[in-house]
């Protein structure tokens, strides 16, 4: 990013001072991959991340289609594992060719504001429109932590340890992990082979089977829409 990064860092630092400890500002550089993207972070204690960390799990889920993802992240809410409400905004940074090369993300802890809104609504006896939060976004310090969280999650989803899963359950588990963007992580295949107790050949055979089914379902849906 060159001199542009220096300018972005100064902007992030100023915004961090302006909005205080509740506001985390993160600058990501995607030009070297997605595993150690954080090149600058202000008030990182909000998520526990630091320079050299990675994006949230929500980003990895959307990597295959960032163009559409960009339309959804100008303003959104999520809830952390410990129950805090986070209001976020992501702006993608593009290189001279127009490709997404990084992003600047602002995460604001609005837990107390939201709680006050609920209290105020009750005090005024006014009905409150329920706010929905995307489930499962994980603010992690590195991709290893993200991987661990997703593997724990899939064992809960299937209902048994990975090494005890039968073939059909492993297919379901891999489909779930693929949808969560885990396969976008470098060397994820090695970890998944160990996790499921399968060979690399078997892993990629399973993934081919899963994606062929998904492609067929997509074709069927398109035919239904056309009809």
C-alpha atoms as a PDB file:
ATOM      1  CA  UNK A   1       0.000   0.000   0.000  1.00  0.00           C
ATOM      2  CA  UNK A   2       3.031   2.292   0.331  1.00  0.00           C
ATOM      3  CA  UNK A   3       2.384   5.869   1.371  1.00  0.00           C
ATOM      4  CA  UNK A   4      -1.372   5.219   1.345  1.00  0.00           C
ATOM      5  CA  UNK A   5      -0.906   2.885   4.307  1.00  0.00           C
ATOM      6  CA  UNK A   6       0.825   5.643   6.282  1.00  0.00           C
ATOM      7  CA  UNK A   7      -2.128   7.940   5.635  1.00  0.00           C
ATOM      8  CA  UNK A   8      -4.606   5.231   6.621  1.00  0.00           C
ATOM      9  CA  UNK A   9      -2.683   4.576   9.836  1.00  0.00           C
ATOM     10  CA  UNK A  10      -2.854   8.254  10.800  1.00  0.00           C
ATOM     11  CA  UNK A  11      -6.580   8.286  10.037  1.00  0.00           C
ATOM     12  CA  UNK A  12      -7.120   5.154  12.145  1.00  0.00           C
ATOM     13  CA  UNK A  13      -5.133   6.570  15.050  1.00  0.00           C
ATOM     14  CA  UNK A  14      -7.126   9.816  14.971  1.00  0.00           C
ATOM     15  CA  UNK A  15     -10.454   7.983  14.834  1.00  0.00           C
ATOM     16  CA  UNK A  16      -9.351   5.756  17.709  1.00  0.00           C
ATOM     17  CA  UNK A  17      -8.555   8.785  19.852  1.00  0.00           C
ATOM     18  CA  UNK A  18     -11.810  10.473  18.856  1.00  0.00           C
ATOM     19  CA  UNK A  19     -14.146   7.562  19.635  1.00  0.00           C
ATOM     20  CA  UNK A  20     -12.153   5.997  22.470  1.00  0.00           C
ATOM     21  CA  UNK A  21     -11.582   2.447  23.697  1.00  0.00           C
ATOM     22  CA  UNK A  22     -14.960   1.175  22.547  1.00  0.00           C
ATOM     23  CA  UNK A  23     -13.962   1.722  18.922  1.00  0.00           C
ATOM     24  CA  UNK A  24     -11.557  -0.692  17.215  1.00  0.00           C
ATOM     25  CA  UNK A  25     -10.110   0.285  13.836  1.00  0.00           C
ATOM     26  CA  UNK A  26      -8.351  -2.407  11.810  1.00  0.00           C
ATOM     27  CA  UNK A  27      -6.403  -2.107   8.558  1.00  0.00           C
ATOM     28  CA  UNK A  28      -6.059  -5.310   6.544  1.00  0.00           C
ATOM     29  CA  UNK A  29      -3.672  -5.983   3.649  1.00  0.00           C
ATOM     30  CA  UNK A  30      -4.774  -8.934   1.475  1.00  0.00           C
ATOM     31  CA  UNK A  31      -1.909  -8.805  -1.026  1.00  0.00           C
ATOM     32  CA  UNK A  32       0.013 -11.585   0.764  1.00  0.00           C
ATOM     33  CA  UNK A  33      -2.976 -13.835   1.448  1.00  0.00           C
ATOM     34  CA  UNK A  34      -5.601 -13.953   4.188  1.00  0.00           C
ATOM     35  CA  UNK A  35      -3.778 -15.457   7.173  1.00  0.00           C
ATOM     36  CA  UNK A  36      -1.825 -12.482   8.568  1.00  0.00           C
ATOM     37  CA  UNK A  37      -3.697  -9.529   7.134  1.00  0.00           C
ATOM     38  CA  UNK A  38      -3.725  -7.041  10.014  1.00  0.00           C
ATOM     39  CA  UNK A  39      -1.059  -4.392   9.386  1.00  0.00           C
ATOM     40  CA  UNK A  40      -2.396  -1.801  11.835  1.00  0.00           C
ATOM     41  CA  UNK A  41      -4.924  -1.911  14.655  1.00  0.00           C
ATOM     42  CA  UNK A  42      -6.181   0.680  17.129  1.00  0.00           C
ATOM     43  CA  UNK A  43      -7.882  -0.352  20.395  1.00  0.00           C
ATOM     44  CA  UNK A  44      -7.336  -4.009  19.560  1.00  0.00           C
ATOM     45  CA  UNK A  45      -8.318  -5.012  23.078  1.00  0.00           C
ATOM     46  CA  UNK A  46     -11.945  -4.911  21.893  1.00  0.00           C
ATOM     47  CA  UNK A  47     -11.417  -8.139  19.920  1.00  0.00           C
ATOM     48  CA  UNK A  48      -8.092  -9.272  21.386  1.00  0.00           C
ATOM     49  CA  UNK A  49      -6.386  -9.064  17.993  1.00  0.00           C
ATOM     50  CA  UNK A  50      -3.053  -7.501  17.101  1.00  0.00           C
ATOM     51  CA  UNK A  51      -0.790  -6.842  14.112  1.00  0.00           C
ATOM     52  CA  UNK A  52      -0.248 -10.074  12.193  1.00  0.00           C
ATOM     53  CA  UNK A  53      -3.737 -11.337  13.006  1.00  0.00           C
ATOM     54  CA  UNK A  54      -6.463 -12.359  10.572  1.00  0.00           C
ATOM     55  CA  UNK A  55      -9.977 -11.210   9.594  1.00  0.00           C
ATOM     56  CA  UNK A  56     -13.103 -12.467  11.342  1.00  0.00           C
ATOM     57  CA  UNK A  57     -14.769 -15.737  10.379  1.00  0.00           C
ATOM     58  CA  UNK A  58     -17.448 -13.798   8.490  1.00  0.00           C
ATOM     59  CA  UNK A  59     -14.821 -12.605   6.006  1.00  0.00           C
ATOM     60  CA  UNK A  60     -13.543 -16.131   5.317  1.00  0.00           C
ATOM     61  CA  UNK A  61     -17.085 -17.277   4.596  1.00  0.00           C
ATOM     62  CA  UNK A  62     -17.421 -14.608   1.900  1.00  0.00           C
ATOM     63  CA  UNK A  63     -13.964 -14.831   0.265  1.00  0.00           C
ATOM     64  CA  UNK A  64     -15.234 -16.635  -2.864  1.00  0.00           C
ATOM     65  CA  UNK A  65     -17.568 -13.728  -3.654  1.00  0.00           C
ATOM     66  CA  UNK A  66     -16.133 -10.527  -2.204  1.00  0.00           C
ATOM     67  CA  UNK A  67     -17.822  -8.346  -4.810  1.00  0.00           C
ATOM     68  CA  UNK A  68     -21.294  -9.203  -3.475  1.00  0.00           C
ATOM     69  CA  UNK A  69     -20.027  -9.244   0.113  1.00  0.00           C
ATOM     70  CA  UNK A  70     -18.888  -5.637  -0.263  1.00  0.00           C
ATOM     71  CA  UNK A  71     -22.476  -4.515  -0.655  1.00  0.00           C
ATOM     72  CA  UNK A  72     -23.422  -5.916   2.777  1.00  0.00           C
ATOM     73  CA  UNK A  73     -20.765  -4.498   5.067  1.00  0.00           C
ATOM     74  CA  UNK A  74     -21.187  -0.732   5.029  1.00  0.00           C
ATOM     75  CA  UNK A  75     -23.055  -1.129   8.330  1.00  0.00           C
ATOM     76  CA  UNK A  76     -23.996  -4.297  10.191  1.00  0.00           C
ATOM     77  CA  UNK A  77     -24.414  -5.651  13.720  1.00  0.00           C
ATOM     78  CA  UNK A  78     -23.064  -8.823  15.272  1.00  0.00           C
ATOM     79  CA  UNK A  79     -22.854 -10.360  18.704  1.00  0.00           C
ATOM     80  CA  UNK A  80     -19.649 -11.751  20.234  1.00  0.00           C
ATOM     81  CA  UNK A  81     -19.374 -15.027  22.116  1.00  0.00           C
ATOM     82  CA  UNK A  82     -19.439 -13.139  25.438  1.00  0.00           C
ATOM     83  CA  UNK A  83     -22.660 -11.321  24.501  1.00  0.00           C
ATOM     84  CA  UNK A  84     -21.375  -7.896  23.450  1.00  0.00           C
ATOM     85  CA  UNK A  85     -23.178  -6.114  20.609  1.00  0.00           C
ATOM     86  CA  UNK A  86     -20.792  -4.819  17.932  1.00  0.00           C
ATOM     87  CA  UNK A  87     -21.686  -2.334  15.218  1.00  0.00           C
ATOM     88  CA  UNK A  88     -19.278  -2.699  12.304  1.00  0.00           C
ATOM     89  CA  UNK A  89     -18.426  -1.136   8.988  1.00  0.00           C
ATOM     90  CA  UNK A  90     -15.942  -2.403   6.392  1.00  0.00           C
ATOM     91  CA  UNK A  91     -14.537  -0.418   3.469  1.00  0.00           C
ATOM     92  CA  UNK A  92     -12.572  -2.390   0.902  1.00  0.00           C
ATOM     93  CA  UNK A  93      -9.399  -0.881  -0.537  1.00  0.00           C
ATOM     94  CA  UNK A  94      -8.670  -1.432  -4.216  1.00  0.00           C
ATOM     95  CA  UNK A  95      -5.434  -1.401  -6.173  1.00  0.00           C
ATOM     96  CA  UNK A  96      -4.855   0.368  -9.505  1.00  0.00           C
ATOM     97  CA  UNK A  97      -6.378  -2.573 -11.364  1.00  0.00           C
ATOM     98  CA  UNK A  98      -9.579  -2.365  -9.303  1.00  0.00           C
ATOM     99  CA  UNK A  99      -8.952  -5.578  -7.367  1.00  0.00           C
ATOM    100  CA  UNK A 100      -9.613  -5.724  -3.621  1.00  0.00           C
ATOM    101  CA  UNK A 101      -6.213  -5.380  -1.939  1.00  0.00           C
ATOM    102  CA  UNK A 102      -7.206  -4.663   1.659  1.00  0.00           C
ATOM    103  CA  UNK A 103      -9.805  -3.120   3.900  1.00  0.00           C
ATOM    104  CA  UNK A 104     -10.301  -0.760   6.793  1.00  0.00           C
ATOM    105  CA  UNK A 105     -12.775  -1.987   9.401  1.00  0.00           C
ATOM    106  CA  UNK A 106     -14.413  -0.094  12.234  1.00  0.00           C
ATOM    107  CA  UNK A 107     -15.912  -2.119  15.104  1.00  0.00           C
ATOM    108  CA  UNK A 108     -17.824  -0.225  17.782  1.00  0.00           C
ATOM    109  CA  UNK A 109     -18.931  -1.840  21.047  1.00  0.00           C
ATOM    110  CA  UNK A 110     -22.507  -0.560  21.437  1.00  0.00           C
ATOM    111  CA  UNK A 111     -23.578  -3.027  24.121  1.00  0.00           C
ATOM    112  CA  UNK A 112     -24.399  -0.392  26.721  1.00  0.00           C
ATOM    113  CA  UNK A 113     -26.078   1.872  24.167  1.00  0.00           C
ATOM    114  CA  UNK A 114     -28.274  -1.013  23.052  1.00  0.00           C
ATOM    115  CA  UNK A 115     -29.094  -1.918  26.669  1.00  0.00           C
ATOM    116  CA  UNK A 116     -30.028   1.713  27.324  1.00  0.00           C
ATOM    117  CA  UNK A 117     -32.245   1.701  24.236  1.00  0.00           C
ATOM    118  CA  UNK A 118     -34.099  -1.330  25.606  1.00  0.00           C
ATOM    119  CA  UNK A 119     -34.498   0.303  29.026  1.00  0.00           C
ATOM    120  CA  UNK A 120     -35.687   3.541  27.460  1.00  0.00           C
ATOM    121  CA  UNK A 121     -38.200   1.676  25.315  1.00  0.00           C
ATOM    122  CA  UNK A 122     -39.642  -0.018  28.395  1.00  0.00           C
ATOM    123  CA  UNK A 123     -39.731   3.286  30.273  1.00  0.00           C
ATOM    124  CA  UNK A 124     -41.640   4.945  27.439  1.00  0.00           C
ATOM    125  CA  UNK A 125     -43.800   1.849  27.058  1.00  0.00           C
ATOM    126  CA  UNK A 126     -42.935   1.848  23.366  1.00  0.00           C
ATOM    127  CA  UNK A 127     -42.762  -1.403  21.362  1.00  0.00           C
ATOM    128  CA  UNK A 128     -39.252  -2.221  20.239  1.00  0.00           C
ATOM    129  CA  UNK A 129     -38.588  -3.775  16.850  1.00  0.00           C
ATOM    130  CA  UNK A 130     -36.445  -6.833  17.440  1.00  0.00           C
ATOM    131  CA  UNK A 131     -32.957  -6.454  16.002  1.00  0.00           C
ATOM    132  CA  UNK A 132     -31.448  -9.517  14.350  1.00  0.00           C
ATOM    133  CA  UNK A 133     -27.749 -10.285  14.546  1.00  0.00           C
ATOM    134  CA  UNK A 134     -25.769 -12.534  12.226  1.00  0.00           C
ATOM    135  CA  UNK A 135     -24.862 -15.581  14.258  1.00  0.00           C
ATOM    136  CA  UNK A 136     -21.403 -16.993  14.582  1.00  0.00           C
ATOM    137  CA  UNK A 137     -19.045 -14.182  13.575  1.00  0.00           C
ATOM    138  CA  UNK A 138     -15.768 -14.867  15.355  1.00  0.00           C
ATOM    139  CA  UNK A 139     -13.230 -12.199  16.234  1.00  0.00           C
ATOM    140  CA  UNK A 140     -10.019 -14.213  16.485  1.00  0.00           C
ATOM    141  CA  UNK A 141      -6.348 -13.369  16.940  1.00  0.00           C
ATOM    142  CA  UNK A 142      -5.055 -15.692  14.205  1.00  0.00           C
ATOM    143  CA  UNK A 143      -6.182 -18.359  11.732  1.00  0.00           C
ATOM    144  CA  UNK A 144      -5.144 -21.159  14.096  1.00  0.00           C
ATOM    145  CA  UNK A 145      -7.634 -19.869  16.654  1.00  0.00           C
ATOM    146  CA  UNK A 146     -10.268 -19.540  13.929  1.00  0.00           C
ATOM    147  CA  UNK A 147      -9.624 -23.110  12.792  1.00  0.00           C
ATOM    148  CA  UNK A 148      -9.893 -24.444  16.347  1.00  0.00           C
ATOM    149  CA  UNK A 149     -13.189 -22.616  16.870  1.00  0.00           C
ATOM    150  CA  UNK A 150     -14.681 -23.938  13.619  1.00  0.00           C
ATOM    151  CA  UNK A 151     -13.623 -27.519  14.378  1.00  0.00           C
ATOM    152  CA  UNK A 152     -15.158 -27.330  17.847  1.00  0.00           C
ATOM    153  CA  UNK A 153     -18.280 -25.896  16.267  1.00  0.00           C
ATOM    154  CA  UNK A 154     -18.646 -28.672  13.697  1.00  0.00           C
ATOM    155  CA  UNK A 155     -18.325 -31.387  16.356  1.00  0.00           C
ATOM    156  CA  UNK A 156     -21.189 -29.734  18.218  1.00  0.00           C
ATOM    157  CA  UNK A 157     -23.150 -29.473  14.969  1.00  0.00           C
ATOM    158  CA  UNK A 158     -22.759 -33.183  14.172  1.00  0.00           C
ATOM    159  CA  UNK A 159     -23.000 -34.263  17.801  1.00  0.00           C
ATOM    160  CA  UNK A 160     -19.887 -36.421  18.148  1.00  0.00           C
ATOM    161  CA  UNK A 161     -16.059 -36.225  17.948  1.00  0.00           C
ATOM    162  CA  UNK A 162     -14.659 -36.143  14.409  1.00  0.00           C
ATOM    163  CA  UNK A 163     -12.759 -39.423  14.756  1.00  0.00           C
ATOM    164  CA  UNK A 164     -16.013 -41.224  15.589  1.00  0.00           C
ATOM    165  CA  UNK A 165     -17.976 -39.820  12.654  1.00  0.00           C
ATOM    166  CA  UNK A 166     -19.087 -42.197   9.912  1.00  0.00           C
ATOM    167  CA  UNK A 167     -18.587 -41.314   6.258  1.00  0.00           C
ATOM    168  CA  UNK A 168     -21.917 -39.490   5.799  1.00  0.00           C
ATOM    169  CA  UNK A 169     -21.307 -37.437   8.934  1.00  0.00           C
ATOM    170  CA  UNK A 170     -17.836 -36.484   7.739  1.00  0.00           C
ATOM    171  CA  UNK A 171     -19.360 -35.328   4.457  1.00  0.00           C
ATOM    172  CA  UNK A 172     -21.869 -33.196   6.357  1.00  0.00           C
ATOM    173  CA  UNK A 173     -19.103 -31.832   8.569  1.00  0.00           C
ATOM    174  CA  UNK A 174     -16.866 -30.956   5.610  1.00  0.00           C
ATOM    175  CA  UNK A 175     -19.765 -29.310   3.802  1.00  0.00           C
ATOM    176  CA  UNK A 176     -20.397 -27.202   6.904  1.00  0.00           C
ATOM    177  CA  UNK A 177     -16.717 -26.250   7.241  1.00  0.00           C
ATOM    178  CA  UNK A 178     -16.531 -25.401   3.543  1.00  0.00           C
ATOM    179  CA  UNK A 179     -19.519 -23.083   3.925  1.00  0.00           C
ATOM    180  CA  UNK A 180     -17.720 -21.394   6.843  1.00  0.00           C
ATOM    181  CA  UNK A 181     -14.716 -20.637   4.633  1.00  0.00           C
ATOM    182  CA  UNK A 182     -12.292 -22.957   6.432  1.00  0.00           C
ATOM    183  CA  UNK A 183     -10.864 -24.274   3.150  1.00  0.00           C
ATOM    184  CA  UNK A 184      -9.701 -20.744   2.337  1.00  0.00           C
ATOM    185  CA  UNK A 185      -7.094 -21.052   5.106  1.00  0.00           C
ATOM    186  CA  UNK A 186      -3.616 -22.030   3.933  1.00  0.00           C
ATOM    187  CA  UNK A 187      -2.729 -25.659   4.793  1.00  0.00           C
ATOM    188  CA  UNK A 188      -6.240 -26.282   6.117  1.00  0.00           C
ATOM    189  CA  UNK A 189      -6.190 -29.651   4.348  1.00  0.00           C
ATOM    190  CA  UNK A 190      -3.395 -30.980   6.556  1.00  0.00           C
ATOM    191  CA  UNK A 191      -5.282 -30.059   9.721  1.00  0.00           C
ATOM    192  CA  UNK A 192      -8.552 -31.506   8.408  1.00  0.00           C
ATOM    193  CA  UNK A 193      -6.898 -34.833   7.543  1.00  0.00           C
ATOM    194  CA  UNK A 194      -5.612 -35.100  11.116  1.00  0.00           C
ATOM    195  CA  UNK A 195      -8.952 -33.965  12.554  1.00  0.00           C
ATOM    196  CA  UNK A 196     -11.052 -36.530  10.655  1.00  0.00           C
ATOM    197  CA  UNK A 197      -8.389 -39.255  10.564  1.00  0.00           C
ATOM    198  CA  UNK A 198      -8.441 -39.491   6.760  1.00  0.00           C
ATOM    199  CA  UNK A 199      -5.877 -39.309   3.973  1.00  0.00           C
ATOM    200  CA  UNK A 200      -5.340 -36.287   1.733  1.00  0.00           C
ATOM    201  CA  UNK A 201      -6.746 -38.299  -1.181  1.00  0.00           C
ATOM    202  CA  UNK A 202      -9.912 -39.088   0.782  1.00  0.00           C
ATOM    203  CA  UNK A 203     -10.300 -35.460   1.861  1.00  0.00           C
ATOM    204  CA  UNK A 204     -10.255 -34.135  -1.683  1.00  0.00           C
ATOM    205  CA  UNK A 205     -12.468 -36.982  -2.873  1.00  0.00           C
ATOM    206  CA  UNK A 206     -15.021 -35.974  -0.229  1.00  0.00           C
ATOM    207  CA  UNK A 207     -14.754 -32.292  -1.211  1.00  0.00           C
ATOM    208  CA  UNK A 208     -15.275 -33.116  -4.885  1.00  0.00           C
ATOM    209  CA  UNK A 209     -18.358 -35.135  -3.954  1.00  0.00           C
ATOM    210  CA  UNK A 210     -19.743 -32.300  -1.816  1.00  0.00           C
ATOM    211  CA  UNK A 211     -19.188 -29.659  -4.481  1.00  0.00           C
ATOM    212  CA  UNK A 212     -20.644 -31.811  -7.250  1.00  0.00           C
ATOM    213  CA  UNK A 213     -23.821 -32.181  -5.199  1.00  0.00           C
ATOM    214  CA  UNK A 214     -23.894 -28.422  -4.554  1.00  0.00           C
ATOM    215  CA  UNK A 215     -23.431 -27.724  -8.277  1.00  0.00           C
ATOM    216  CA  UNK A 216     -26.280 -30.093  -9.174  1.00  0.00           C
ATOM    217  CA  UNK A 217     -28.549 -28.456  -6.594  1.00  0.00           C
ATOM    218  CA  UNK A 218     -27.633 -25.062  -8.047  1.00  0.00           C
ATOM    219  CA  UNK A 219     -28.519 -26.239 -11.562  1.00  0.00           C
ATOM    220  CA  UNK A 220     -31.848 -27.619 -10.348  1.00  0.00           C
ATOM    221  CA  UNK A 221     -32.660 -24.320  -8.622  1.00  0.00           C
ATOM    222  CA  UNK A 222     -31.876 -22.371 -11.789  1.00  0.00           C
ATOM    223  CA  UNK A 223     -34.114 -24.665 -13.822  1.00  0.00           C
ATOM    224  CA  UNK A 224     -36.912 -24.114 -11.323  1.00  0.00           C
ATOM    225  CA  UNK A 225     -36.534 -20.346 -11.554  1.00  0.00           C
ATOM    226  CA  UNK A 226     -36.515 -20.440 -15.354  1.00  0.00           C
ATOM    227  CA  UNK A 227     -39.661 -22.530 -15.426  1.00  0.00           C
END
